[in-house]
Amino acid sequence: MMGDYHVRFCESLGVKFPLATRLEAKQIEPGAAVAPKTYRFETLWMALNQTNHERYTETNALEQEKLLDKILVGNCLSFFKSLDIFVEA
């Protein structure tokens, strides 16, 4: 995997990546929630591929945050699609 290679390469240069200090496993029923939920990442989220990284570095902080939000939404939709769950707009 390209991402795994990138992490190993960065670590060989002395870059430190945060590790999860605790993991919690829950069995849930995936689907749309009635109210918005707040989440946080316990582990490193590698959001940017080479193309997105270039776009990210060429924009201001507000546009960077919008790009990350868009990528996260796409990741979530791809995850639900893999479970045959589709969200209606």
Protein backbone atom coordinates (compact mmCIF):
# COMPACT_ATOMS: atom_id res chain seq x y z
CA MET A 1 0.00 0.00 0.00
CA MET A 2 1.28 3.43 -0.87
CA GLY A 3 0.10 4.99 2.44
CA ASP A 4 1.88 2.33 4.50
CA TYR A 5 5.08 2.91 2.54
CA HIS A 6 4.78 6.68 3.12
CA VAL A 7 4.39 6.21 6.89
CA ARG A 8 7.36 3.83 7.08
CA PHE A 9 9.46 6.25 4.99
CA CYS A 10 8.55 9.21 7.22
CA GLU A 11 9.28 7.20 10.36
CA SER A 12 12.71 6.31 8.93
CA LEU A 13 13.37 10.07 8.76
CA GLY A 14 12.48 10.47 12.43
CA VAL A 15 8.89 11.69 12.01
CA LYS A 16 6.75 10.54 14.93
CA PHE A 17 3.11 9.61 14.37
CA PRO A 18 0.65 9.56 17.29
CA LEU A 19 -0.57 6.16 18.40
CA ALA A 20 -3.91 5.41 19.98
CA THR A 21 -3.64 5.16 23.75
CA ARG A 22 -6.93 3.34 24.00
CA LEU A 23 -9.25 1.64 21.56
CA GLU A 24 -12.89 0.97 22.24
CA ALA A 25 -14.87 -1.54 20.21
CA LYS A 26 -18.63 -1.20 20.00
CA GLN A 27 -21.18 -3.04 17.96
CA ILE A 28 -23.52 -0.52 16.38
CA GLU A 29 -26.18 -0.45 13.71
CA PRO A 30 -24.79 1.78 10.93
CA GLY A 31 -27.09 4.29 9.30
CA ALA A 32 -28.28 7.88 9.33
CA ALA A 33 -28.63 9.54 12.74
CA VAL A 34 -31.56 11.77 13.70
CA ALA A 35 -29.21 14.42 15.15
CA PRO A 36 -25.62 15.30 14.23
CA LYS A 37 -22.92 13.49 16.18
CA THR A 38 -19.45 14.64 17.16
CA TYR A 39 -16.46 12.36 16.60
CA ARG A 40 -12.75 12.64 17.07
CA PHE A 41 -9.89 10.63 15.66
CA GLU A 42 -8.03 8.44 18.14
CA THR A 43 -5.47 7.47 15.51
CA LEU A 44 -3.77 9.20 12.61
CA TRP A 45 -6.06 9.92 9.65
CA MET A 46 -4.10 10.09 6.40
CA ALA A 47 -6.52 12.26 4.43
CA LEU A 48 -4.35 13.56 1.63
CA ASN A 49 -3.13 11.68 -1.39
CA GLN A 50 -0.52 13.31 -3.65
CA THR A 51 -3.09 15.26 -5.68
CA ASN A 52 -5.06 16.47 -2.66
CA HIS A 53 -1.85 17.37 -0.82
CA GLU A 54 -0.85 19.67 -3.67
CA ARG A 55 -4.29 21.33 -3.60
CA TYR A 56 -4.10 21.58 0.20
CA THR A 57 -0.75 23.35 0.27
CA GLU A 58 -1.84 25.88 -2.38
CA THR A 59 -4.86 27.19 -0.46
CA ASN A 60 -5.55 29.24 2.67
CA ALA A 61 -6.55 27.79 6.06
CA LEU A 62 -10.31 28.11 5.42
CA GLU A 63 -10.08 26.30 2.08
CA GLN A 64 -7.83 23.64 3.65
CA GLU A 65 -10.48 22.91 6.27
CA LYS A 66 -13.19 22.73 3.59
CA LEU A 67 -11.06 20.29 1.57
CA LEU A 68 -10.51 18.04 4.60
CA ASP A 69 -14.26 18.12 5.37
CA LYS A 70 -15.04 17.13 1.79
CA ILE A 71 -12.53 14.26 1.88
CA LEU A 72 -13.93 13.00 5.20
CA VAL A 73 -17.50 13.05 3.84
CA GLY A 74 -16.31 11.08 0.81
CA ASN A 75 -14.56 8.54 3.06
CA CYS A 76 -17.73 8.08 5.14
CA LEU A 77 -19.94 7.71 2.06
CA SER A 78 -17.53 5.13 0.62
CA PHE A 79 -17.63 3.20 3.90
CA PHE A 80 -21.44 3.15 3.95
CA LYS A 81 -21.56 2.20 0.26
CA SER A 82 -19.36 -0.82 1.05
CA LEU A 83 -22.07 -1.88 3.55
CA ASP A 84 -24.85 -1.31 0.97
CA ILE A 85 -26.17 1.65 2.97
CA PHE A 86 -27.11 4.69 0.92
CA VAL A 87 -27.94 8.11 2.33
CA GLU A 88 -30.75 10.07 0.69
CA ALA A 89 -30.11 13.76 0.09
